[in-house]
Amino acid sequence: MVSPVGVPSISSKMVWLAALPAAVMCMGVVLYAARRWYMKSREPLETEAFPLDELERLRDSGQITQAEFSALRNRSLGLDSALVQKDKSKSSIGGELDDAKPDAAEG
């Protein structure tokens, strides 16, 4: 049977009907892989953070300097060091008030 010009034959319709589910399944696999990659990149990094009271004890006993204490504290709290240096607000996290305290061991 000859189909009129411009009208697809039954066999070409069957090819498209078979290709559609395959395309949908491929898109599903691609989206699943992209989602796994994105979620894996959002996982927190494993760091060996110290408890803050332990850091304060080390600083007070003179085992670490004030600069080391500030760097370790910021790392423990997950603060970006570039952001902390840029924003010198007078807060208790990364600000000048904590850094201005004199060391008890040095005095």
N, C-alpha and C. Protein backbone atom coordinates (compact mmCIF):
# COMPACT_ATOMS: atom_id res chain seq x y z
N MET A 1 0.81 -1.16 0.00
CA MET A 1 0.00 0.00 0.00
C MET A 1 0.88 1.24 0.00
N VAL A 2 0.53 2.19 -0.81
CA VAL A 2 1.29 3.41 -0.93
C VAL A 2 0.54 4.49 -0.17
N SER A 3 1.28 5.21 0.71
CA SER A 3 0.64 6.28 1.46
C SER A 3 0.73 7.57 0.65
N PRO A 4 -0.23 8.45 0.83
CA PRO A 4 -0.20 9.71 0.11
C PRO A 4 1.02 10.53 0.51
N VAL A 5 1.39 11.45 -0.32
CA VAL A 5 2.55 12.30 -0.08
C VAL A 5 2.31 13.15 1.17
N GLY A 6 3.31 13.21 2.07
CA GLY A 6 3.21 14.01 3.29
C GLY A 6 2.59 13.28 4.46
N VAL A 7 2.02 12.11 4.26
CA VAL A 7 1.43 11.33 5.34
C VAL A 7 2.39 10.20 5.68
N PRO A 8 2.86 10.11 6.93
CA PRO A 8 3.80 9.05 7.28
C PRO A 8 3.13 7.68 7.24
N SER A 9 3.90 6.67 6.85
CA SER A 9 3.37 5.32 6.81
C SER A 9 3.31 4.73 8.21
N ILE A 10 2.66 3.62 8.33
CA ILE A 10 2.50 2.93 9.63
C ILE A 10 3.87 2.54 10.18
N SER A 11 4.79 2.08 9.35
CA SER A 11 6.09 1.62 9.83
C SER A 11 6.90 2.78 10.41
N SER A 12 6.83 3.97 9.82
CA SER A 12 7.57 5.11 10.39
C SER A 12 6.94 5.56 11.71
N LYS A 13 5.63 5.42 11.84
CA LYS A 13 4.98 5.74 13.12
C LYS A 13 5.43 4.76 14.20
N MET A 14 5.59 3.49 13.83
CA MET A 14 6.02 2.48 14.79
C MET A 14 7.45 2.75 15.25
N VAL A 15 8.30 3.23 14.35
CA VAL A 15 9.67 3.55 14.74
C VAL A 15 9.67 4.68 15.76
N TRP A 16 8.89 5.72 15.54
CA TRP A 16 8.81 6.84 16.48
C TRP A 16 8.19 6.40 17.80
N LEU A 17 7.18 5.53 17.74
CA LEU A 17 6.56 5.06 18.98
C LEU A 17 7.53 4.20 19.80
N ALA A 18 8.44 3.51 19.14
CA ALA A 18 9.44 2.71 19.85
C ALA A 18 10.57 3.61 20.37
N ALA A 19 10.89 4.66 19.64
CA ALA A 19 11.99 5.54 20.04
C ALA A 19 11.61 6.43 21.21
N LEU A 20 10.35 6.78 21.33
CA LEU A 20 9.91 7.67 22.40
C LEU A 20 10.18 7.10 23.80
N PRO A 21 9.76 5.88 24.11
CA PRO A 21 10.09 5.34 25.45
C PRO A 21 11.58 5.21 25.69
N ALA A 22 12.34 4.88 24.65
CA ALA A 22 13.80 4.78 24.80
C ALA A 22 14.38 6.15 25.13
N ALA A 23 13.90 7.20 24.48
CA ALA A 23 14.39 8.55 24.76
C ALA A 23 14.03 8.98 26.18
N VAL A 24 12.83 8.65 26.62
CA VAL A 24 12.40 9.00 27.98
C VAL A 24 13.26 8.27 29.01
N MET A 25 13.56 7.01 28.76
CA MET A 25 14.39 6.25 29.69
C MET A 25 15.81 6.81 29.73
N CYS A 26 16.35 7.19 28.58
CA CYS A 26 17.69 7.79 28.56
C CYS A 26 17.72 9.11 29.33
N MET A 27 16.70 9.92 29.18
CA MET A 27 16.63 11.18 29.93
C MET A 27 16.55 10.91 31.43
N GLY A 28 15.82 9.88 31.80
CA GLY A 28 15.74 9.51 33.22
C GLY A 28 17.09 9.13 33.78
N VAL A 29 17.86 8.36 33.03
CA VAL A 29 19.19 7.95 33.47
C VAL A 29 20.11 9.16 33.60
N VAL A 30 20.04 10.06 32.62
CA VAL A 30 20.88 11.27 32.66
C VAL A 30 20.51 12.14 33.86
N LEU A 31 19.22 12.33 34.10
CA LEU A 31 18.78 13.15 35.24
C LEU A 31 19.16 12.50 36.57
N TYR A 32 19.05 11.19 36.66
CA TYR A 32 19.44 10.48 37.88
C TYR A 32 20.93 10.66 38.16
N ALA A 33 21.76 10.51 37.11
CA ALA A 33 23.20 10.67 37.28
C ALA A 33 23.55 12.11 37.66
N ALA A 34 22.89 13.08 37.04
CA ALA A 34 23.16 14.48 37.35
C ALA A 34 22.75 14.80 38.79
N ARG A 35 21.65 14.26 39.24
CA ARG A 35 21.18 14.49 40.61
C ARG A 35 22.15 13.89 41.62
N ARG A 36 22.63 12.68 41.35
CA ARG A 36 23.60 12.05 42.26
C ARG A 36 24.89 12.86 42.33
N TRP A 37 25.37 13.35 41.19
CA TRP A 37 26.59 14.15 41.15
C TRP A 37 26.39 15.44 41.93
N TYR A 38 25.24 16.09 41.74
CA TYR A 38 24.96 17.35 42.44
C TYR A 38 24.85 17.13 43.95
N MET A 39 24.14 16.10 44.36
CA MET A 39 23.98 15.84 45.79
C MET A 39 25.31 15.45 46.43
N LYS A 40 26.16 14.73 45.71
CA LYS A 40 27.45 14.35 46.26
C LYS A 40 28.33 15.57 46.46
N SER A 41 28.23 16.55 45.55
CA SER A 41 29.05 17.74 45.68
C SER A 41 28.58 18.63 46.83
N ARG A 42 27.36 18.44 47.31
CA ARG A 42 26.83 19.23 48.41
C ARG A 42 27.12 18.62 49.77
N GLU A 43 27.66 17.42 49.82
CA GLU A 43 27.97 16.79 51.11
C GLU A 43 29.05 17.60 51.83
N PRO A 44 28.94 17.75 53.14
CA PRO A 44 29.96 18.50 53.86
C PRO A 44 31.30 17.77 53.81
N LEU A 45 32.35 18.55 53.74
CA LEU A 45 33.68 17.98 53.72
C LEU A 45 34.04 17.46 55.10
N GLU A 46 34.74 16.36 55.12
CA GLU A 46 35.19 15.80 56.38
C GLU A 46 36.38 16.61 56.87
N THR A 47 36.25 17.24 58.01
CA THR A 47 37.35 17.99 58.59
C THR A 47 37.61 17.47 59.99
N GLU A 48 38.81 17.64 60.42
CA GLU A 48 39.17 17.26 61.78
C GLU A 48 39.06 18.51 62.64
N ALA A 49 37.85 18.86 62.97
CA ALA A 49 37.60 20.08 63.73
C ALA A 49 37.78 19.79 65.22
N PHE A 50 38.31 20.79 65.91
CA PHE A 50 38.48 20.70 67.34
C PHE A 50 37.26 21.30 68.02
N PRO A 51 36.91 20.79 69.20
CA PRO A 51 35.88 21.48 69.99
C PRO A 51 36.42 22.84 70.42
N LEU A 52 35.55 23.82 70.47
CA LEU A 52 35.98 25.18 70.80
C LEU A 52 36.60 25.28 72.19
N ASP A 53 36.06 24.52 73.13
CA ASP A 53 36.64 24.59 74.47
C ASP A 53 38.07 24.03 74.50
N GLU A 54 38.34 23.03 73.66
CA GLU A 54 39.69 22.49 73.56
C GLU A 54 40.63 23.52 72.93
N LEU A 55 40.14 24.22 71.91
CA LEU A 55 40.96 25.27 71.28
C LEU A 55 41.26 26.39 72.27
N GLU A 56 40.27 26.77 73.06
CA GLU A 56 40.48 27.83 74.06
C GLU A 56 41.49 27.37 75.11
N ARG A 57 41.43 26.11 75.49
CA ARG A 57 42.38 25.58 76.48
C ARG A 57 43.80 25.61 75.92
N LEU A 58 43.96 25.22 74.66
CA LEU A 58 45.28 25.25 74.03
C LEU A 58 45.81 26.68 73.93
N ARG A 59 44.94 27.61 73.59
CA ARG A 59 45.36 29.02 73.49
C ARG A 59 45.73 29.56 74.87
N ASP A 60 44.90 29.27 75.86
CA ASP A 60 45.16 29.79 77.21
C ASP A 60 46.44 29.19 77.82
N SER A 61 46.75 27.96 77.46
CA SER A 61 47.96 27.34 78.00
C SER A 61 49.21 27.72 77.20
N GLY A 62 49.03 28.44 76.09
CA GLY A 62 50.17 28.90 75.30
C GLY A 62 50.66 27.90 74.28
N GLN A 63 49.94 26.82 74.09
CA GLN A 63 50.37 25.81 73.13
C GLN A 63 50.12 26.25 71.68
N ILE A 64 49.14 27.13 71.47
CA ILE A 64 48.91 27.70 70.14
C ILE A 64 48.81 29.22 70.28
N THR A 65 49.13 29.93 69.21
CA THR A 65 49.07 31.39 69.23
C THR A 65 47.64 31.86 68.98
N GLN A 66 47.43 33.16 69.17
CA GLN A 66 46.11 33.74 68.91
C GLN A 66 45.74 33.59 67.43
N ALA A 67 46.71 33.76 66.53
CA ALA A 67 46.44 33.62 65.09
C ALA A 67 46.06 32.18 64.75
N GLU A 68 46.77 31.22 65.36
CA GLU A 68 46.42 29.81 65.14
C GLU A 68 45.04 29.51 65.70
N PHE A 69 44.75 30.06 66.89
CA PHE A 69 43.44 29.86 67.49
C PHE A 69 42.34 30.39 66.56
N SER A 70 42.53 31.59 66.03
CA SER A 70 41.52 32.19 65.14
C SER A 70 41.33 31.35 63.89
N ALA A 71 42.43 30.88 63.31
CA ALA A 71 42.32 30.07 62.09
C ALA A 71 41.63 28.74 62.36
N LEU A 72 41.99 28.08 63.46
CA LEU A 72 41.36 26.80 63.79
C LEU A 72 39.89 26.98 64.19
N ARG A 73 39.59 28.05 64.90
CA ARG A 73 38.20 28.33 65.27
C ARG A 73 37.35 28.54 64.02
N ASN A 74 37.85 29.33 63.09
CA ASN A 74 37.10 29.58 61.86
C ASN A 74 36.91 28.31 61.05
N ARG A 75 37.94 27.47 61.02
CA ARG A 75 37.82 26.19 60.30
C ARG A 75 36.81 25.28 61.00
N SER A 76 36.83 25.26 62.33
CA SER A 76 35.89 24.43 63.08
C SER A 76 34.45 24.87 62.86
N LEU A 77 34.26 26.18 62.74
CA LEU A 77 32.91 26.70 62.54
C LEU A 77 32.49 26.68 61.07
N GLY A 78 33.40 26.28 60.19
CA GLY A 78 33.07 26.21 58.77
C GLY A 78 33.02 27.56 58.09
N LEU A 79 33.71 28.54 58.65
CA LEU A 79 33.72 29.87 58.05
C LEU A 79 34.80 29.96 56.99
N ASP A 80 34.49 30.67 55.92
CA ASP A 80 35.46 30.89 54.85
C ASP A 80 36.47 31.92 55.32
N SER A 81 37.74 31.59 55.28
CA SER A 81 38.76 32.51 55.81
C SER A 81 38.83 33.80 55.02
N ALA A 82 38.58 33.78 53.71
CA ALA A 82 38.59 35.01 52.92
C ALA A 82 37.43 35.91 53.33
N LEU A 83 36.29 35.30 53.62
CA LEU A 83 35.12 36.07 54.05
C LEU A 83 35.36 36.68 55.42
N VAL A 84 36.01 35.95 56.30
CA VAL A 84 36.28 36.46 57.64
C VAL A 84 37.26 37.63 57.56
N GLN A 85 38.28 37.53 56.71
CA GLN A 85 39.24 38.62 56.58
C GLN A 85 38.59 39.85 55.97
N LYS A 86 37.67 39.66 55.04
CA LYS A 86 37.02 40.78 54.36
C LYS A 86 36.04 41.48 55.29
N ASP A 87 35.27 40.70 56.06
CA ASP A 87 34.24 41.27 56.92
C ASP A 87 34.76 41.31 58.35
N LYS A 88 35.29 42.43 58.78
CA LYS A 88 35.80 42.57 60.14
C LYS A 88 34.75 43.22 61.03
N SER A 89 33.56 42.66 61.00
CA SER A 89 32.50 43.20 61.85
C SER A 89 32.78 42.82 63.30
N LYS A 90 32.19 43.53 64.21
CA LYS A 90 32.42 43.30 65.63
C LYS A 90 31.42 42.28 66.16
N SER A 91 31.54 41.06 65.69
CA SER A 91 30.68 39.99 66.16
C SER A 91 31.55 38.98 66.90
N SER A 92 30.92 38.03 67.53
CA SER A 92 31.67 37.04 68.28
C SER A 92 32.23 35.95 67.37
N ILE A 93 31.81 35.92 66.12
CA ILE A 93 32.32 34.90 65.20
C ILE A 93 33.19 35.59 64.16
N GLY A 94 34.48 35.45 64.29
CA GLY A 94 35.40 35.98 63.29
C GLY A 94 35.60 37.47 63.34
N GLY A 95 35.15 38.14 64.38
CA GLY A 95 35.28 39.59 64.45
C GLY A 95 36.48 40.03 65.26
N GLU A 96 36.63 41.32 65.43
CA GLU A 96 37.78 41.87 66.13
C GLU A 96 37.69 41.70 67.64
N LEU A 97 36.50 41.56 68.19
CA LEU A 97 36.37 41.47 69.64
C LEU A 97 37.07 40.22 70.18
N ASP A 98 36.88 39.06 69.51
CA ASP A 98 37.54 37.85 69.97
C ASP A 98 39.03 37.90 69.74
N ASP A 99 39.44 38.50 68.61
CA ASP A 99 40.86 38.52 68.26
C ASP A 99 41.63 39.55 69.10
N ALA A 100 40.93 40.51 69.71
CA ALA A 100 41.59 41.56 70.46
C ALA A 100 41.89 41.14 71.90
N LYS A 101 41.42 39.98 72.34
CA LYS A 101 41.67 39.54 73.70
C LYS A 101 43.15 39.20 73.86
N PRO A 102 43.78 39.68 74.91
CA PRO A 102 45.19 39.31 75.13
C PRO A 102 45.30 37.87 75.58
N ASP A 103 46.40 37.26 75.22
CA ASP A 103 46.63 35.89 75.65
C ASP A 103 47.01 35.88 77.13
N ALA A 104 46.40 34.99 77.88
CA ALA A 104 46.67 34.88 79.31
C ALA A 104 48.08 34.33 79.55
N ALA A 105 48.56 33.45 78.65
CA ALA A 105 49.87 32.83 78.85
C ALA A 105 51.00 33.78 78.49
N GLU A 106 50.75 34.75 77.62
CA GLU A 106 51.81 35.66 77.21
C GLU A 106 52.04 36.78 78.21
N GLY A 107 51.01 37.18 78.99
CA GLY A 107 51.02 38.33 79.87
C GLY A 107 51.94 38.21 80.99
